[in-house]
Structure formats: structure tokens, C-alpha cells
């Protein structure tokens, strides 16, 4: 999700995603989470099946592949059907 600047090679700050957007934190073994907001220089992500939020550096966050997205959505549906979601 990082964009590189023009010819100077400077990195621009990544665009802040909408709340609820699925993202992958590459610094945590490609853990998938929902974007919850900005906390200082970090982005807050929440596990898709509920649980404690964690902070990720925007440079370590990317969009999920179609397979990662499907896997996360199925896990969320399964958790809801078992009553584990709030």
C-alpha cells in the first residue's frame, strides 16, 4: 500500500483506508486484520474473528490477495455462526 514518489524516489505516506478494510500485516507473518483507525504513526488492525487490536506500521501493510480475503471472510462467518463474534 506504499506509493513511491516521482523521479526523486521519495516515499509518500500511504493513503489511510476506510474503516473495516481488510489488510495484511507483513510484519506479523501475513496476519489479516480489519483497519480500525490511526494511532499516532501506526494503523490499528483487529483480527477478523474478534480479539485484541494491534498496531502496524503502514509500510508493513498491504492489500490481501483474493485467497487471503476469502479465507478471512470464511473465518469471520464461521466465528459468527459459532457465536464468537460480538
C-alpha atoms as a PDB file:
ATOM      1  CA  UNK A   1       0.000   0.000   0.000  1.00  0.00           C
ATOM      2  CA  UNK A   2       3.007   2.246  -0.153  1.00  0.00           C
ATOM      3  CA  UNK A   3       3.311   4.542  -3.092  1.00  0.00           C
ATOM      4  CA  UNK A   4       6.629   5.775  -4.329  1.00  0.00           C
ATOM      5  CA  UNK A   5       7.117   9.383  -5.316  1.00  0.00           C
ATOM      6  CA  UNK A   6       8.117  10.677  -8.738  1.00  0.00           C
ATOM      7  CA  UNK A   7      11.684  10.756 -10.012  1.00  0.00           C
ATOM      8  CA  UNK A   8      13.193  11.615  -6.626  1.00  0.00           C
ATOM      9  CA  UNK A   9      12.310   8.166  -5.224  1.00  0.00           C
ATOM     10  CA  UNK A  10      10.757   9.671  -2.077  1.00  0.00           C
ATOM     11  CA  UNK A  11       8.111   7.576  -0.370  1.00  0.00           C
ATOM     12  CA  UNK A  12       4.715   9.141   0.129  1.00  0.00           C
ATOM     13  CA  UNK A  13       2.644   8.295   3.159  1.00  0.00           C
ATOM     14  CA  UNK A  14       0.171   5.520   2.292  1.00  0.00           C
ATOM     15  CA  UNK A  15      -3.431   6.571   1.946  1.00  0.00           C
ATOM     16  CA  UNK A  16      -5.466   5.778   5.046  1.00  0.00           C
ATOM     17  CA  UNK A  17      -8.043   3.068   4.184  1.00  0.00           C
ATOM     18  CA  UNK A  18     -11.697   3.096   5.146  1.00  0.00           C
ATOM     19  CA  UNK A  19     -12.641   1.575   8.495  1.00  0.00           C
ATOM     20  CA  UNK A  20     -13.306  -2.153   8.107  1.00  0.00           C
ATOM     21  CA  UNK A  21     -10.978  -2.608   5.129  1.00  0.00           C
ATOM     22  CA  UNK A  22      -9.165  -5.947   5.209  1.00  0.00           C
ATOM     23  CA  UNK A  23      -5.377  -5.591   5.293  1.00  0.00           C
ATOM     24  CA  UNK A  24      -2.380  -7.898   5.716  1.00  0.00           C
ATOM     25  CA  UNK A  25       0.352  -7.078   8.242  1.00  0.00           C
ATOM     26  CA  UNK A  26       3.556  -8.474   6.738  1.00  0.00           C
ATOM     27  CA  UNK A  27       5.487  -7.898   9.972  1.00  0.00           C
ATOM     28  CA  UNK A  28       3.251 -10.468  11.722  1.00  0.00           C
ATOM     29  CA  UNK A  29       3.550 -13.390   9.337  1.00  0.00           C
ATOM     30  CA  UNK A  30       0.911 -12.021   6.959  1.00  0.00           C
ATOM     31  CA  UNK A  31      -1.777 -11.724   9.613  1.00  0.00           C
ATOM     32  CA  UNK A  32      -5.060 -10.418   8.191  1.00  0.00           C
ATOM     33  CA  UNK A  33      -6.971  -7.765  10.092  1.00  0.00           C
ATOM     34  CA  UNK A  34      -9.610  -5.096   9.695  1.00  0.00           C
ATOM     35  CA  UNK A  35      -8.466  -1.492   9.661  1.00  0.00           C
ATOM     36  CA  UNK A  36      -9.878   0.293  12.721  1.00  0.00           C
ATOM     37  CA  UNK A  37      -8.112   3.669  12.722  1.00  0.00           C
ATOM     38  CA  UNK A  38      -4.898   5.618  13.094  1.00  0.00           C
ATOM     39  CA  UNK A  39      -2.949   5.629  16.368  1.00  0.00           C
ATOM     40  CA  UNK A  40      -0.096   8.111  16.029  1.00  0.00           C
ATOM     41  CA  UNK A  41       2.236   6.835  13.298  1.00  0.00           C
ATOM     42  CA  UNK A  42       0.597   3.379  13.356  1.00  0.00           C
ATOM     43  CA  UNK A  43      -2.563   1.832  11.980  1.00  0.00           C
ATOM     44  CA  UNK A  44      -4.791  -0.163  14.320  1.00  0.00           C
ATOM     45  CA  UNK A  45      -5.879  -3.541  12.983  1.00  0.00           C
ATOM     46  CA  UNK A  46      -8.304  -6.005  14.549  1.00  0.00           C
ATOM     47  CA  UNK A  47      -8.428  -9.753  13.943  1.00  0.00           C
ATOM     48  CA  UNK A  48     -11.305 -10.659  11.625  1.00  0.00           C
ATOM     49  CA  UNK A  49     -12.691 -13.181  14.139  1.00  0.00           C
ATOM     50  CA  UNK A  50     -12.606 -10.707  17.025  1.00  0.00           C
ATOM     51  CA  UNK A  51      -9.952 -10.136  19.611  1.00  0.00           C
ATOM     52  CA  UNK A  52      -7.410  -7.564  20.645  1.00  0.00           C
ATOM     53  CA  UNK A  53      -6.364  -4.895  18.179  1.00  0.00           C
ATOM     54  CA  UNK A  54      -2.714  -4.480  17.287  1.00  0.00           C
ATOM     55  CA  UNK A  55      -0.717  -1.650  15.790  1.00  0.00           C
ATOM     56  CA  UNK A  56       1.072  -1.976  12.465  1.00  0.00           C
ATOM     57  CA  UNK A  57       3.421   0.325  10.635  1.00  0.00           C
ATOM     58  CA  UNK A  58       1.730   1.462   7.402  1.00  0.00           C
ATOM     59  CA  UNK A  59       4.876   0.475   5.451  1.00  0.00           C
ATOM     60  CA  UNK A  60       4.308  -3.161   6.535  1.00  0.00           C
ATOM     61  CA  UNK A  61       0.673  -3.311   5.458  1.00  0.00           C
ATOM     62  CA  UNK A  62      -0.658  -4.453   2.102  1.00  0.00           C
ATOM     63  CA  UNK A  63      -3.951  -5.389   0.488  1.00  0.00           C
ATOM     64  CA  UNK A  64      -4.908  -9.068   0.792  1.00  0.00           C
ATOM     65  CA  UNK A  65      -4.801 -11.429  -2.161  1.00  0.00           C
ATOM     66  CA  UNK A  66      -8.153 -12.865  -3.284  1.00  0.00           C
ATOM     67  CA  UNK A  67      -7.309 -16.095  -1.433  1.00  0.00           C
ATOM     68  CA  UNK A  68      -6.412 -14.260   1.802  1.00  0.00           C
ATOM     69  CA  UNK A  69      -9.595 -12.187   1.559  1.00  0.00           C
ATOM     70  CA  UNK A  70     -11.788 -15.264   1.033  1.00  0.00           C
ATOM     71  CA  UNK A  71     -10.092 -17.145   3.877  1.00  0.00           C
ATOM     72  CA  UNK A  72     -10.644 -14.200   6.260  1.00  0.00           C
ATOM     73  CA  UNK A  73     -14.290 -13.779   5.264  1.00  0.00           C
ATOM     74  CA  UNK A  74     -15.000 -17.502   5.729  1.00  0.00           C
ATOM     75  CA  UNK A  75     -13.289 -17.442   9.142  1.00  0.00           C
ATOM     76  CA  UNK A  76     -15.452 -14.454  10.139  1.00  0.00           C
ATOM     77  CA  UNK A  77     -18.649 -16.214   9.022  1.00  0.00           C
ATOM     78  CA  UNK A  78     -17.685 -19.368  10.905  1.00  0.00           C
ATOM     79  CA  UNK A  79     -16.966 -17.384  14.075  1.00  0.00           C
ATOM     80  CA  UNK A  80     -20.339 -15.636  13.843  1.00  0.00           C
ATOM     81  CA  UNK A  81     -22.172 -18.927  13.335  1.00  0.00           C
ATOM     82  CA  UNK A  82     -20.496 -20.290  16.462  1.00  0.00           C
ATOM     83  CA  UNK A  83     -21.425 -17.189  18.480  1.00  0.00           C
ATOM     84  CA  UNK A  84     -17.834 -15.990  18.874  1.00  0.00           C
ATOM     85  CA  UNK A  85     -18.384 -12.567  17.288  1.00  0.00           C
ATOM     86  CA  UNK A  86     -19.523  -9.526  19.246  1.00  0.00           C
END
